[in-house]
Amino acid sequence: MSDLLQGGGLGPFILVCANATFDPKIYSATAAELEVLYQRLRKQYVAALESGRAIQEVEEDLLVFLKIQAVGLEKLRHTERRLAGKWELQFNHLRSFRPKRITARAPAGIHVDFDEAGFHFNKGFMQKEAFWAGMLGGKEATLYYNKYPFVDFHGLLVPERERRLPQFLTLEHHNYVWELTSQLAETLDGVGFGYNSIGAFASVNHLHFQMFLKPQGFPVMDAVWSHNGGSEPYPAQCLVFDEPGAAWGCIQMLHSDEIAYNLLYTSGRLFVFPRLKQGAYPQPAWTSGFTWHELAGGVVIFNREDYENLDESAIRGELAKLAVGNLPLDSIAL
């Protein structure tokens, strides 16, 4: 990531800073360069504000930088992790600074037309955050660093970004990611993709999937749960499919009934989490939202005291509150 810092700029600084506080190896490799760029940007922005000149930066990046400045770069806490029963808790300080974008409001449905004026991955400044583009699994694709990571090797897959597709899954792209996951798993241990629908804390209305490597798997993949053949019911609604056609039948049903959902693609397996839409239930203060990661058992927390005190029963209780009433399970071919 040092290469990103060489060209300077606010977006790359925030991206590397967030990844460095998440991963000690990245921090050790970039700490000195981060400090130099931080001081240069700080002086530049202070001078502009003192003289009344406009700062030519993306507004949300500038707001995040001002938050870092308020805290102090040296006081940013590095990501910490612990277990609460089966749940993986994570205190992620810098991620709490990120903009909420479309997750700040409750959508009427789960399909929203692509908005050229809104945030999307075709913006010119976003291309600095891409690390690869080309043919992948038979489609044009762009891979971006995740600017505010919460899982190892966290990236964003944007297939056919020039088509300006909204964050609404189609059969074409469901089959694409299913097959791509299996292909990549031949050489990448623990590769997978997460997906948030509109209404399930998708923050960008431009078709994308969150890529990760997690060889040990997520808590939802534990053999103890009934959806994996065990005896214990999972606290959130979870449907598991080993075949893409049956999985698509479930997703189609959720689309037709306007039910928000999160997905976890692993090699040869898909976990589907139907859930109440964001804004349709009281959300606890310790979370910024239940995404695919939370539904899979990884809980991101922004407040240090909440991180220390949160227990297994509280997490189970909140996941259970996401349940969709009258979910027509009989119509889903499991």
C-alpha atoms as a PDB file:
ATOM      1  CA  MET A   1       0.000   0.000   0.000  1.00  0.00           C
ATOM      2  CA  SER A   2       3.010   2.293   0.127  1.00  0.00           C
ATOM      3  CA  ASP A   3       2.526   2.842  -3.604  1.00  0.00           C
ATOM      4  CA  LEU A   4      -0.825   4.511  -2.882  1.00  0.00           C
ATOM      5  CA  LEU A   5       0.882   7.049  -0.637  1.00  0.00           C
ATOM      6  CA  GLN A   6       3.531   7.983  -3.192  1.00  0.00           C
ATOM      7  CA  GLY A   7       1.109  10.076  -5.218  1.00  0.00           C
ATOM      8  CA  GLY A   8      -0.267  11.783  -2.123  1.00  0.00           C
ATOM      9  CA  GLY A   9      -3.894  12.789  -1.942  1.00  0.00           C
ATOM     10  CA  LEU A  10      -6.583  12.577   0.685  1.00  0.00           C
ATOM     11  CA  GLY A  11      -8.459   9.483  -0.532  1.00  0.00           C
ATOM     12  CA  PRO A  12      -5.363   7.265  -0.606  1.00  0.00           C
ATOM     13  CA  PHE A  13      -4.287   8.598   2.805  1.00  0.00           C
ATOM     14  CA  ILE A  14      -7.597   7.585   4.424  1.00  0.00           C
ATOM     15  CA  LEU A  15      -7.610   4.209   2.670  1.00  0.00           C
ATOM     16  CA  VAL A  16      -4.087   3.324   3.804  1.00  0.00           C
ATOM     17  CA  CYS A  17      -4.692   4.734   7.298  1.00  0.00           C
ATOM     18  CA  ALA A  18      -7.824   2.600   7.786  1.00  0.00           C
ATOM     19  CA  ASN A  19      -6.111  -0.523   6.474  1.00  0.00           C
ATOM     20  CA  ALA A  20      -3.023   0.166   8.615  1.00  0.00           C
ATOM     21  CA  THR A  21      -5.013   0.469  11.835  1.00  0.00           C
ATOM     22  CA  PHE A  22      -6.799  -2.773  10.883  1.00  0.00           C
ATOM     23  CA  ASP A  23      -3.694  -4.808   9.991  1.00  0.00           C
ATOM     24  CA  PRO A  24      -0.434  -4.539  12.013  1.00  0.00           C
ATOM     25  CA  LYS A  25       1.664  -5.654   9.023  1.00  0.00           C
ATOM     26  CA  ILE A  26       0.346  -2.803   6.888  1.00  0.00           C
ATOM     27  CA  TYR A  27       0.887  -0.383   9.756  1.00  0.00           C
ATOM     28  CA  SER A  28       4.524  -1.341  10.209  1.00  0.00           C
ATOM     29  CA  ALA A  29       5.137  -0.946   6.473  1.00  0.00           C
ATOM     30  CA  THR A  30       3.415   2.444   6.096  1.00  0.00           C
ATOM     31  CA  ALA A  31       3.481   4.275   9.471  1.00  0.00           C
ATOM     32  CA  ALA A  32       6.326   6.668   8.625  1.00  0.00           C
ATOM     33  CA  GLU A  33       4.902   7.590   5.214  1.00  0.00           C
ATOM     34  CA  LEU A  34       1.430   8.037   6.713  1.00  0.00           C
ATOM     35  CA  GLU A  35       2.777  10.518   9.249  1.00  0.00           C
ATOM     36  CA  VAL A  36       4.557  12.551   6.558  1.00  0.00           C
ATOM     37  CA  LEU A  37       1.488  12.719   4.322  1.00  0.00           C
ATOM     38  CA  TYR A  38      -0.799  13.483   7.273  1.00  0.00           C
ATOM     39  CA  GLN A  39       1.296  16.486   8.318  1.00  0.00           C
ATOM     40  CA  ARG A  40       1.453  17.774   4.752  1.00  0.00           C
ATOM     41  CA  LEU A  41      -2.305  17.490   4.254  1.00  0.00           C
ATOM     42  CA  ARG A  42      -3.013  19.035   7.648  1.00  0.00           C
ATOM     43  CA  LYS A  43      -0.873  22.093   6.917  1.00  0.00           C
ATOM     44  CA  GLN A  44      -2.393  22.423   3.455  1.00  0.00           C
ATOM     45  CA  TYR A  45      -5.978  22.359   4.754  1.00  0.00           C
ATOM     46  CA  VAL A  46      -5.306  24.667   7.707  1.00  0.00           C
ATOM     47  CA  ALA A  47      -3.744  27.202   5.353  1.00  0.00           C
ATOM     48  CA  ALA A  48      -6.728  26.991   3.012  1.00  0.00           C
ATOM     49  CA  LEU A  49      -9.224  27.434   5.836  1.00  0.00           C
ATOM     50  CA  GLU A  50      -7.298  30.358   7.332  1.00  0.00           C
ATOM     51  CA  SER A  51      -7.283  32.165   4.007  1.00  0.00           C
ATOM     52  CA  GLY A  52     -10.865  31.286   3.084  1.00  0.00           C
ATOM     53  CA  ARG A  53      -9.879  29.218   0.029  1.00  0.00           C
ATOM     54  CA  ALA A  54     -11.970  26.267  -1.074  1.00  0.00           C
ATOM     55  CA  ILE A  55     -10.498  22.823  -0.407  1.00  0.00           C
ATOM     56  CA  GLN A  56     -10.738  20.767  -3.583  1.00  0.00           C
ATOM     57  CA  GLU A  57     -11.420  17.367  -2.074  1.00  0.00           C
ATOM     58  CA  VAL A  58     -14.301  14.894  -1.896  1.00  0.00           C
ATOM     59  CA  GLU A  59     -16.485  16.187   0.937  1.00  0.00           C
ATOM     60  CA  GLU A  60     -16.883  12.862   2.728  1.00  0.00           C
ATOM     61  CA  ASP A  61     -13.113  12.275   2.656  1.00  0.00           C
ATOM     62  CA  LEU A  62     -12.534  15.747   4.034  1.00  0.00           C
ATOM     63  CA  LEU A  63     -14.996  15.123   6.863  1.00  0.00           C
ATOM     64  CA  VAL A  64     -13.205  11.876   7.779  1.00  0.00           C
ATOM     65  CA  PHE A  65      -9.850  13.701   7.759  1.00  0.00           C
ATOM     66  CA  LEU A  66     -11.225  16.394  10.079  1.00  0.00           C
ATOM     67  CA  LYS A  67     -12.372  13.648  12.463  1.00  0.00           C
ATOM     68  CA  ILE A  68      -8.875  12.145  12.398  1.00  0.00           C
ATOM     69  CA  GLN A  69      -7.441  15.602  13.027  1.00  0.00           C
ATOM     70  CA  ALA A  70      -9.794  16.112  15.978  1.00  0.00           C
ATOM     71  CA  VAL A  71      -8.631  12.851  17.568  1.00  0.00           C
ATOM     72  CA  GLY A  72      -5.013  13.004  16.442  1.00  0.00           C
ATOM     73  CA  LEU A  73      -3.399  10.483  14.125  1.00  0.00           C
ATOM     74  CA  GLU A  74      -1.315   9.059  16.975  1.00  0.00           C
ATOM     75  CA  LYS A  75      -4.448   8.427  19.071  1.00  0.00           C
ATOM     76  CA  LEU A  76      -6.319   6.348  16.509  1.00  0.00           C
ATOM     77  CA  ARG A  77      -6.952   2.975  18.114  1.00  0.00           C
ATOM     78  CA  HIS A  78      -5.903  -0.134  16.255  1.00  0.00           C
ATOM     79  CA  THR A  79      -8.507  -2.817  15.624  1.00  0.00           C
ATOM     80  CA  GLU A  80      -9.004  -5.284  18.479  1.00  0.00           C
ATOM     81  CA  ARG A  81     -10.774  -8.640  18.401  1.00  0.00           C
ATOM     82  CA  ARG A  82     -12.266 -11.042  20.918  1.00  0.00           C
ATOM     83  CA  LEU A  83     -14.883 -13.797  21.122  1.00  0.00           C
ATOM     84  CA  ALA A  84     -18.211 -13.637  22.936  1.00  0.00           C
ATOM     85  CA  GLY A  85     -19.345 -17.241  22.830  1.00  0.00           C
ATOM     86  CA  LYS A  86     -19.335 -18.092  19.139  1.00  0.00           C
ATOM     87  CA  TRP A  87     -19.493 -14.463  17.999  1.00  0.00           C
ATOM     88  CA  GLU A  88     -16.447 -12.612  16.694  1.00  0.00           C
ATOM     89  CA  LEU A  89     -16.331  -9.095  18.138  1.00  0.00           C
ATOM     90  CA  GLN A  90     -14.226  -6.344  16.615  1.00  0.00           C
ATOM     91  CA  PHE A  91     -13.471  -2.847  17.922  1.00  0.00           C
ATOM     92  CA  ASN A  92     -12.822  -0.832  14.753  1.00  0.00           C
ATOM     93  CA  HIS A  93     -12.148   2.802  15.630  1.00  0.00           C
ATOM     94  CA  LEU A  94     -11.486   4.399  12.256  1.00  0.00           C
ATOM     95  CA  ARG A  95     -14.392   2.652  10.549  1.00  0.00           C
ATOM     96  CA  SER A  96     -16.678   4.644  12.850  1.00  0.00           C
ATOM     97  CA  PHE A  97     -15.607   7.783  10.956  1.00  0.00           C
ATOM     98  CA  ARG A  98     -16.889   6.580   7.581  1.00  0.00           C
ATOM     99  CA  PRO A  99     -19.894   8.255   5.916  1.00  0.00           C
ATOM    100  CA  LYS A 100     -23.235   6.470   6.166  1.00  0.00           C
ATOM    101  CA  ARG A 101     -24.245   7.253   2.567  1.00  0.00           C
ATOM    102  CA  ILE A 102     -27.576   5.579   1.734  1.00  0.00           C
ATOM    103  CA  THR A 103     -27.649   3.548   4.975  1.00  0.00           C
ATOM    104  CA  ALA A 104     -28.689   6.726   6.806  1.00  0.00           C
ATOM    105  CA  ARG A 105     -32.248   6.396   5.504  1.00  0.00           C
ATOM    106  CA  ALA A 106     -34.867   3.678   5.350  1.00  0.00           C
ATOM    107  CA  PRO A 107     -35.692   2.772   1.722  1.00  0.00           C
ATOM    108  CA  ALA A 108     -39.235   2.067   0.583  1.00  0.00           C
ATOM    109  CA  GLY A 109     -38.176  -1.068  -1.300  1.00  0.00           C
ATOM    110  CA  ILE A 110     -35.128  -3.103  -2.207  1.00  0.00           C
ATOM    111  CA  HIS A 111     -34.744  -1.808  -5.770  1.00  0.00           C
ATOM    112  CA  VAL A 112     -33.585   1.744  -6.456  1.00  0.00           C
ATOM    113  CA  ASP A 113     -32.560   2.950  -9.910  1.00  0.00           C
ATOM    114  CA  PHE A 114     -28.901   3.785 -10.443  1.00  0.00           C
ATOM    115  CA  ASP A 115     -28.256   7.446  -9.632  1.00  0.00           C
ATOM    116  CA  GLU A 116     -25.551   9.066 -11.735  1.00  0.00           C
ATOM    117  CA  ALA A 117     -25.410  11.999  -9.318  1.00  0.00           C
ATOM    118  CA  GLY A 118     -24.976   9.794  -6.245  1.00  0.00           C
ATOM    119  CA  PHE A 119     -21.889   7.969  -5.017  1.00  0.00           C
ATOM    120  CA  HIS A 120     -20.813   5.155  -7.345  1.00  0.00           C
ATOM    121  CA  PHE A 121     -17.665   3.352  -8.456  1.00  0.00           C
ATOM    122  CA  ASN A 122     -17.363   5.167 -11.794  1.00  0.00           C
ATOM    123  CA  LYS A 123     -16.402   8.436 -10.088  1.00  0.00           C
ATOM    124  CA  GLY A 124     -12.976   9.592 -11.206  1.00  0.00           C
ATOM    125  CA  PHE A 125     -11.538   9.771  -7.697  1.00  0.00           C
ATOM    126  CA  MET A 126     -12.535   6.156  -7.048  1.00  0.00           C
ATOM    127  CA  GLN A 127     -10.115   4.867  -9.659  1.00  0.00           C
ATOM    128  CA  LYS A 128      -7.215   5.631  -7.316  1.00  0.00           C
ATOM    129  CA  GLU A 129      -8.653   2.971  -5.008  1.00  0.00           C
ATOM    130  CA  ALA A 130      -8.789   0.244  -7.675  1.00  0.00           C
ATOM    131  CA  PHE A 131      -5.899  -2.212  -7.658  1.00  0.00           C
ATOM    132  CA  TRP A 132      -6.896  -4.391 -10.628  1.00  0.00           C
ATOM    133  CA  ALA A 133      -9.219  -4.348 -13.646  1.00  0.00           C
ATOM    134  CA  GLY A 134      -9.709  -6.832 -16.465  1.00  0.00           C
ATOM    135  CA  MET A 135     -11.485 -10.048 -17.390  1.00  0.00           C
ATOM    136  CA  LEU A 136     -12.360 -12.168 -14.369  1.00  0.00           C
ATOM    137  CA  GLY A 137     -14.462 -15.298 -14.670  1.00  0.00           C
ATOM    138  CA  GLY A 138     -15.629 -14.267 -18.139  1.00  0.00           C
ATOM    139  CA  LYS A 139     -16.732 -10.724 -17.258  1.00  0.00           C
ATOM    140  CA  GLU A 140     -15.085  -7.335 -17.093  1.00  0.00           C
ATOM    141  CA  ALA A 141     -14.482  -6.601 -13.429  1.00  0.00           C
ATOM    142  CA  THR A 142     -12.780  -4.040 -11.221  1.00  0.00           C
ATOM    143  CA  LEU A 143     -11.306  -4.857  -7.826  1.00  0.00           C
ATOM    144  CA  TYR A 144     -11.016  -2.079  -5.250  1.00  0.00           C
ATOM    145  CA  TYR A 145      -9.417  -1.921  -1.858  1.00  0.00           C
ATOM    146  CA  ASN A 146     -12.048  -1.668   0.852  1.00  0.00           C
ATOM    147  CA  LYS A 147     -11.486   1.810   2.249  1.00  0.00           C
ATOM    148  CA  TYR A 148     -12.666   0.847   5.743  1.00  0.00           C
ATOM    149  CA  PRO A 149     -11.911  -2.894   6.119  1.00  0.00           C
ATOM    150  CA  PHE A 150     -13.414  -5.207   8.729  1.00  0.00           C
ATOM    151  CA  VAL A 151     -12.260  -8.613   7.434  1.00  0.00           C
ATOM    152  CA  ASP A 152      -8.919  -9.922   6.193  1.00  0.00           C
ATOM    153  CA  PHE A 153      -7.979  -9.146   2.568  1.00  0.00           C
ATOM    154  CA  HIS A 154     -11.136  -7.095   2.290  1.00  0.00           C
ATOM    155  CA  GLY A 155     -11.847  -5.894  -1.234  1.00  0.00           C
ATOM    156  CA  LEU A 156     -14.736  -4.865  -3.448  1.00  0.00           C
ATOM    157  CA  LEU A 157     -15.667  -6.671  -6.648  1.00  0.00           C
ATOM    158  CA  VAL A 158     -17.565  -4.471  -9.120  1.00  0.00           C
ATOM    159  CA  PRO A 159     -18.568  -6.505 -12.180  1.00  0.00           C
ATOM    160  CA  GLU A 160     -19.166  -4.613 -15.440  1.00  0.00           C
ATOM    161  CA  ARG A 161     -19.089  -1.262 -13.650  1.00  0.00           C
ATOM    162  CA  GLU A 162     -19.573   0.709 -16.863  1.00  0.00           C
ATOM    163  CA  ARG A 163     -23.057  -0.819 -17.211  1.00  0.00           C
ATOM    164  CA  ARG A 164     -24.118   1.305 -14.199  1.00  0.00           C
ATOM    165  CA  LEU A 165     -26.055  -1.535 -12.611  1.00  0.00           C
ATOM    166  CA  PRO A 166     -27.887  -0.790  -9.360  1.00  0.00           C
ATOM    167  CA  GLN A 167     -27.418  -2.872  -6.209  1.00  0.00           C
ATOM    168  CA  PHE A 168     -30.114  -5.342  -7.212  1.00  0.00           C
ATOM    169  CA  LEU A 169     -29.042  -8.926  -7.826  1.00  0.00           C
ATOM    170  CA  THR A 170     -29.928 -10.633 -11.101  1.00  0.00           C
ATOM    171  CA  LEU A 171     -29.720 -14.295 -12.061  1.00  0.00           C
ATOM    172  CA  GLU A 172     -26.799 -13.431 -14.354  1.00  0.00           C
ATOM    173  CA  HIS A 173     -24.662 -11.992 -11.571  1.00  0.00           C
ATOM    174  CA  HIS A 174     -25.786 -14.502  -8.958  1.00  0.00           C
ATOM    175  CA  ASN A 175     -24.532 -17.314 -11.198  1.00  0.00           C
ATOM    176  CA  TYR A 176     -21.393 -15.325 -11.971  1.00  0.00           C
ATOM    177  CA  VAL A 177     -20.400 -14.875  -8.312  1.00  0.00           C
ATOM    178  CA  TRP A 178     -21.347 -18.464  -7.446  1.00  0.00           C
ATOM    179  CA  GLU A 179     -19.048 -19.813 -10.168  1.00  0.00           C
ATOM    180  CA  LEU A 180     -16.313 -17.237  -9.538  1.00  0.00           C
ATOM    181  CA  THR A 181     -16.157 -18.182  -5.857  1.00  0.00           C
ATOM    182  CA  SER A 182     -15.624 -21.843  -6.758  1.00  0.00           C
ATOM    183  CA  GLN A 183     -12.951 -20.959  -9.323  1.00  0.00           C
ATOM    184  CA  LEU A 184     -11.022 -18.697  -6.962  1.00  0.00           C
ATOM    185  CA  ALA A 185     -11.261 -21.243  -4.126  1.00  0.00           C
ATOM    186  CA  GLU A 186      -8.968 -23.546  -6.113  1.00  0.00           C
ATOM    187  CA  THR A 187      -6.039 -21.265  -5.232  1.00  0.00           C
ATOM    188  CA  LEU A 188      -7.346 -18.904  -2.516  1.00  0.00           C
ATOM    189  CA  ASP A 189      -8.144 -20.667   0.748  1.00  0.00           C
ATOM    190  CA  GLY A 190     -11.278 -19.304   2.419  1.00  0.00           C
ATOM    191  CA  VAL A 191     -12.278 -16.936  -0.375  1.00  0.00           C
ATOM    192  CA  GLY A 192     -15.839 -15.661  -0.362  1.00  0.00           C
ATOM    193  CA  PHE A 193     -18.129 -12.747  -1.113  1.00  0.00           C
ATOM    194  CA  GLY A 194     -20.651 -10.872   0.967  1.00  0.00           C
ATOM    195  CA  TYR A 195     -23.642  -9.021  -0.473  1.00  0.00           C
ATOM    196  CA  ASN A 196     -26.039  -6.512   1.090  1.00  0.00           C
ATOM    197  CA  SER A 197     -29.292  -5.705  -0.657  1.00  0.00           C
ATOM    198  CA  ILE A 198     -30.784  -2.250  -0.595  1.00  0.00           C
ATOM    199  CA  GLY A 199     -32.518  -2.037   2.796  1.00  0.00           C
ATOM    200  CA  ALA A 200     -29.957  -4.429   4.329  1.00  0.00           C
ATOM    201  CA  PHE A 201     -27.216  -1.821   4.799  1.00  0.00           C
ATOM    202  CA  ALA A 202     -25.859  -1.654   1.269  1.00  0.00           C
ATOM    203  CA  SER A 203     -24.019   1.679   1.357  1.00  0.00           C
ATOM    204  CA  VAL A 204     -23.575   2.108  -2.423  1.00  0.00           C
ATOM    205  CA  ASN A 205     -26.281   1.667  -5.069  1.00  0.00           C
ATOM    206  CA  HIS A 206     -23.882   0.296  -7.683  1.00  0.00           C
ATOM    207  CA  LEU A 207     -23.688  -3.486  -8.037  1.00  0.00           C
ATOM    208  CA  HIS A 208     -20.817  -4.775  -5.926  1.00  0.00           C
ATOM    209  CA  PHE A 209     -19.776  -7.679  -3.723  1.00  0.00           C
ATOM    210  CA  GLN A 210     -17.399  -7.641  -0.758  1.00  0.00           C
ATOM    211  CA  MET A 211     -14.508 -10.042  -1.175  1.00  0.00           C
ATOM    212  CA  PHE A 212     -12.549 -11.614   1.696  1.00  0.00           C
ATOM    213  CA  LEU A 213     -10.274 -14.484   2.678  1.00  0.00           C
ATOM    214  CA  LYS A 214     -11.263 -16.352   5.833  1.00  0.00           C
ATOM    215  CA  PRO A 215      -9.888 -19.906   5.912  1.00  0.00           C
ATOM    216  CA  GLN A 216     -11.354 -20.594   9.362  1.00  0.00           C
ATOM    217  CA  GLY A 217     -14.837 -19.606   8.212  1.00  0.00           C
ATOM    218  CA  PHE A 218     -17.470 -17.464   9.909  1.00  0.00           C
ATOM    219  CA  PRO A 219     -19.476 -18.490  12.995  1.00  0.00           C
ATOM    220  CA  VAL A 220     -22.553 -19.142  10.822  1.00  0.00           C
ATOM    221  CA  MET A 221     -20.597 -21.994   9.205  1.00  0.00           C
ATOM    222  CA  ASP A 222     -20.177 -23.892  12.502  1.00  0.00           C
ATOM    223  CA  ALA A 223     -21.491 -27.476  12.416  1.00  0.00           C
ATOM    224  CA  VAL A 224     -23.515 -26.895  15.601  1.00  0.00           C
ATOM    225  CA  TRP A 225     -26.237 -24.908  13.782  1.00  0.00           C
ATOM    226  CA  SER A 226     -29.335 -26.630  12.465  1.00  0.00           C
ATOM    227  CA  HIS A 227     -28.852 -25.199   8.954  1.00  0.00           C
ATOM    228  CA  ASN A 228     -25.533 -27.095   8.866  1.00  0.00           C
ATOM    229  CA  GLY A 229     -27.014 -30.346  10.161  1.00  0.00           C
ATOM    230  CA  GLY A 230     -26.553 -29.617  13.868  1.00  0.00           C
ATOM    231  CA  SER A 231     -29.126 -29.312  16.628  1.00  0.00           C
ATOM    232  CA  GLU A 232     -28.922 -25.633  17.612  1.00  0.00           C
ATOM    233  CA  PRO A 233     -31.099 -23.024  15.886  1.00  0.00           C
ATOM    234  CA  TYR A 234     -29.282 -19.981  14.557  1.00  0.00           C
ATOM    235  CA  PRO A 235     -30.609 -16.753  16.127  1.00  0.00           C
ATOM    236  CA  ALA A 236     -31.111 -15.034  12.753  1.00  0.00           C
ATOM    237  CA  GLN A 237     -33.130 -16.510   9.897  1.00  0.00           C
ATOM    238  CA  CYS A 238     -30.656 -18.409   7.711  1.00  0.00           C
ATOM    239  CA  LEU A 239     -31.257 -20.530   4.621  1.00  0.00           C
ATOM    240  CA  VAL A 240     -28.415 -22.551   3.086  1.00  0.00           C
ATOM    241  CA  PHE A 241     -28.124 -23.739  -0.515  1.00  0.00           C
ATOM    242  CA  ASP A 242     -25.631 -26.063  -2.177  1.00  0.00           C
ATOM    243  CA  GLU A 243     -26.937 -25.487  -5.694  1.00  0.00           C
ATOM    244  CA  PRO A 244     -27.241 -22.093  -7.480  1.00  0.00           C
ATOM    245  CA  GLY A 245     -30.667 -22.725  -9.040  1.00  0.00           C
ATOM    246  CA  ALA A 246     -32.389 -23.424  -5.737  1.00  0.00           C
ATOM    247  CA  ALA A 247     -30.617 -20.447  -4.204  1.00  0.00           C
ATOM    248  CA  TRP A 248     -31.906 -18.205  -6.965  1.00  0.00           C
ATOM    249  CA  GLY A 249     -35.454 -19.436  -6.352  1.00  0.00           C
ATOM    250  CA  CYS A 250     -35.130 -18.186  -2.775  1.00  0.00           C
ATOM    251  CA  ILE A 251     -33.703 -14.825  -3.858  1.00  0.00           C
ATOM    252  CA  GLN A 252     -36.493 -14.401  -6.413  1.00  0.00           C
ATOM    253  CA  MET A 253     -39.065 -14.969  -3.687  1.00  0.00           C
ATOM    254  CA  LEU A 254     -37.397 -12.315  -1.521  1.00  0.00           C
ATOM    255  CA  HIS A 255     -37.432  -9.901  -4.464  1.00  0.00           C
ATOM    256  CA  SER A 256     -41.098 -10.471  -5.210  1.00  0.00           C
ATOM    257  CA  ASP A 257     -42.036  -9.938  -1.554  1.00  0.00           C
ATOM    258  CA  GLU A 258     -39.731  -6.897  -1.171  1.00  0.00           C
ATOM    259  CA  ILE A 259     -37.822  -8.589   1.659  1.00  0.00           C
ATOM    260  CA  ALA A 260     -34.342  -7.212   2.362  1.00  0.00           C
ATOM    261  CA  TYR A 261     -31.553  -9.754   2.658  1.00  0.00           C
ATOM    262  CA  ASN A 262     -27.836 -10.366   3.089  1.00  0.00           C
ATOM    263  CA  LEU A 263     -25.819 -13.087   1.352  1.00  0.00           C
ATOM    264  CA  LEU A 264     -22.619 -14.980   2.105  1.00  0.00           C
ATOM    265  CA  TYR A 265     -21.110 -16.777  -0.897  1.00  0.00           C
ATOM    266  CA  THR A 266     -18.588 -19.514  -0.114  1.00  0.00           C
ATOM    267  CA  SER A 267     -17.272 -22.198  -2.449  1.00  0.00           C
ATOM    268  CA  GLY A 268     -20.268 -24.336  -3.471  1.00  0.00           C
ATOM    269  CA  ARG A 269     -22.492 -22.870  -0.762  1.00  0.00           C
ATOM    270  CA  LEU A 270     -24.684 -19.813  -0.237  1.00  0.00           C
ATOM    271  CA  PHE A 271     -26.040 -18.543   3.082  1.00  0.00           C
ATOM    272  CA  VAL A 272     -29.161 -16.395   2.666  1.00  0.00           C
ATOM    273  CA  PHE A 273     -30.326 -14.119   5.486  1.00  0.00           C
ATOM    274  CA  PRO A 274     -33.824 -12.663   5.036  1.00  0.00           C
ATOM    275  CA  ARG A 275     -34.257  -9.766   7.454  1.00  0.00           C
ATOM    276  CA  LEU A 276     -36.224  -6.690   8.376  1.00  0.00           C
ATOM    277  CA  LYS A 277     -35.261  -3.563   6.466  1.00  0.00           C
ATOM    278  CA  GLN A 278     -32.979  -1.016   8.085  1.00  0.00           C
ATOM    279  CA  GLY A 279     -35.046   1.560   9.949  1.00  0.00           C
ATOM    280  CA  ALA A 280     -37.921  -0.900  10.504  1.00  0.00           C
ATOM    281  CA  TYR A 281     -36.743  -1.938  13.993  1.00  0.00           C
ATOM    282  CA  PRO A 282     -34.986  -0.268  16.941  1.00  0.00           C
ATOM    283  CA  GLN A 283     -31.246  -0.674  16.474  1.00  0.00           C
ATOM    284  CA  PRO A 284     -28.936  -1.000  19.489  1.00  0.00           C
ATOM    285  CA  ALA A 285     -26.415   1.784  20.047  1.00  0.00           C
ATOM    286  CA  TRP A 286     -23.433  -0.599  19.816  1.00  0.00           C
ATOM    287  CA  THR A 287     -23.864  -1.272  16.087  1.00  0.00           C
ATOM    288  CA  SER A 288     -23.891   0.916  12.990  1.00  0.00           C
ATOM    289  CA  GLY A 289     -25.981  -1.700  11.219  1.00  0.00           C
ATOM    290  CA  PHE A 290     -26.377  -5.417  10.620  1.00  0.00           C
ATOM    291  CA  THR A 291     -24.700  -6.263   7.307  1.00  0.00           C
ATOM    292  CA  TRP A 292     -23.789  -9.653   5.820  1.00  0.00           C
ATOM    293  CA  HIS A 293     -20.843  -9.696   8.230  1.00  0.00           C
ATOM    294  CA  GLU A 294     -22.997  -9.346  11.355  1.00  0.00           C
ATOM    295  CA  LEU A 295     -25.505 -11.909  10.091  1.00  0.00           C
ATOM    296  CA  ALA A 296     -22.597 -14.313   9.562  1.00  0.00           C
ATOM    297  CA  GLY A 297     -21.462 -13.821  13.164  1.00  0.00           C
ATOM    298  CA  GLY A 298     -18.859 -11.032  12.971  1.00  0.00           C
ATOM    299  CA  VAL A 299     -19.861  -7.961  15.000  1.00  0.00           C
ATOM    300  CA  VAL A 300     -18.156  -4.618  14.335  1.00  0.00           C
ATOM    301  CA  ILE A 301     -18.299  -2.184  17.282  1.00  0.00           C
ATOM    302  CA  PHE A 302     -17.162   1.445  17.354  1.00  0.00           C
ATOM    303  CA  ASN A 303     -17.267   2.218  21.069  1.00  0.00           C
ATOM    304  CA  ARG A 304     -14.520   0.769  23.288  1.00  0.00           C
ATOM    305  CA  GLU A 305     -16.782   0.345  26.333  1.00  0.00           C
ATOM    306  CA  ASP A 306     -19.445  -1.442  24.278  1.00  0.00           C
ATOM    307  CA  TYR A 307     -16.742  -3.710  22.858  1.00  0.00           C
ATOM    308  CA  GLU A 308     -15.588  -4.700  26.328  1.00  0.00           C
ATOM    309  CA  ASN A 309     -19.072  -5.243  27.785  1.00  0.00           C
ATOM    310  CA  LEU A 310     -21.116  -6.773  24.948  1.00  0.00           C
ATOM    311  CA  ASP A 311     -22.048 -10.389  25.643  1.00  0.00           C
ATOM    312  CA  GLU A 312     -23.320 -13.373  23.685  1.00  0.00           C
ATOM    313  CA  SER A 313     -26.930 -13.116  24.847  1.00  0.00           C
ATOM    314  CA  ALA A 314     -27.239  -9.503  23.703  1.00  0.00           C
ATOM    315  CA  ILE A 315     -25.960 -10.393  20.237  1.00  0.00           C
ATOM    316  CA  ARG A 316     -28.292 -13.367  19.936  1.00  0.00           C
ATOM    317  CA  GLY A 317     -31.226 -11.220  21.040  1.00  0.00           C
ATOM    318  CA  GLU A 318     -30.572  -8.507  18.472  1.00  0.00           C
ATOM    319  CA  LEU A 319     -30.094 -10.979  15.628  1.00  0.00           C
ATOM    320  CA  ALA A 320     -33.413 -12.606  16.516  1.00  0.00           C
ATOM    321  CA  LYS A 321     -35.162  -9.219  16.248  1.00  0.00           C
ATOM    322  CA  LEU A 322     -34.330  -9.103  12.536  1.00  0.00           C
ATOM    323  CA  ALA A 323     -36.640 -12.054  11.799  1.00  0.00           C
ATOM    324  CA  VAL A 324     -39.172 -11.522   9.034  1.00  0.00           C
ATOM    325  CA  GLY A 325     -42.688 -12.509  10.093  1.00  0.00           C
ATOM    326  CA  ASN A 326     -44.679 -14.877   7.856  1.00  0.00           C
ATOM    327  CA  LEU A 327     -41.664 -15.749   5.743  1.00  0.00           C
ATOM    328  CA  PRO A 328     -43.074 -18.198   3.147  1.00  0.00           C
ATOM    329  CA  LEU A 329     -40.510 -20.926   3.739  1.00  0.00           C
ATOM    330  CA  ASP A 330     -42.802 -23.553   2.177  1.00  0.00           C
ATOM    331  CA  SER A 331     -42.365 -21.870  -1.209  1.00  0.00           C
ATOM    332  CA  ILE A 332     -38.582 -22.179  -1.045  1.00  0.00           C
ATOM    333  CA  ALA A 333     -37.055 -25.381  -2.400  1.00  0.00           C
ATOM    334  CA  LEU A 334     -34.351 -26.172   0.159  1.00  0.00           C
END
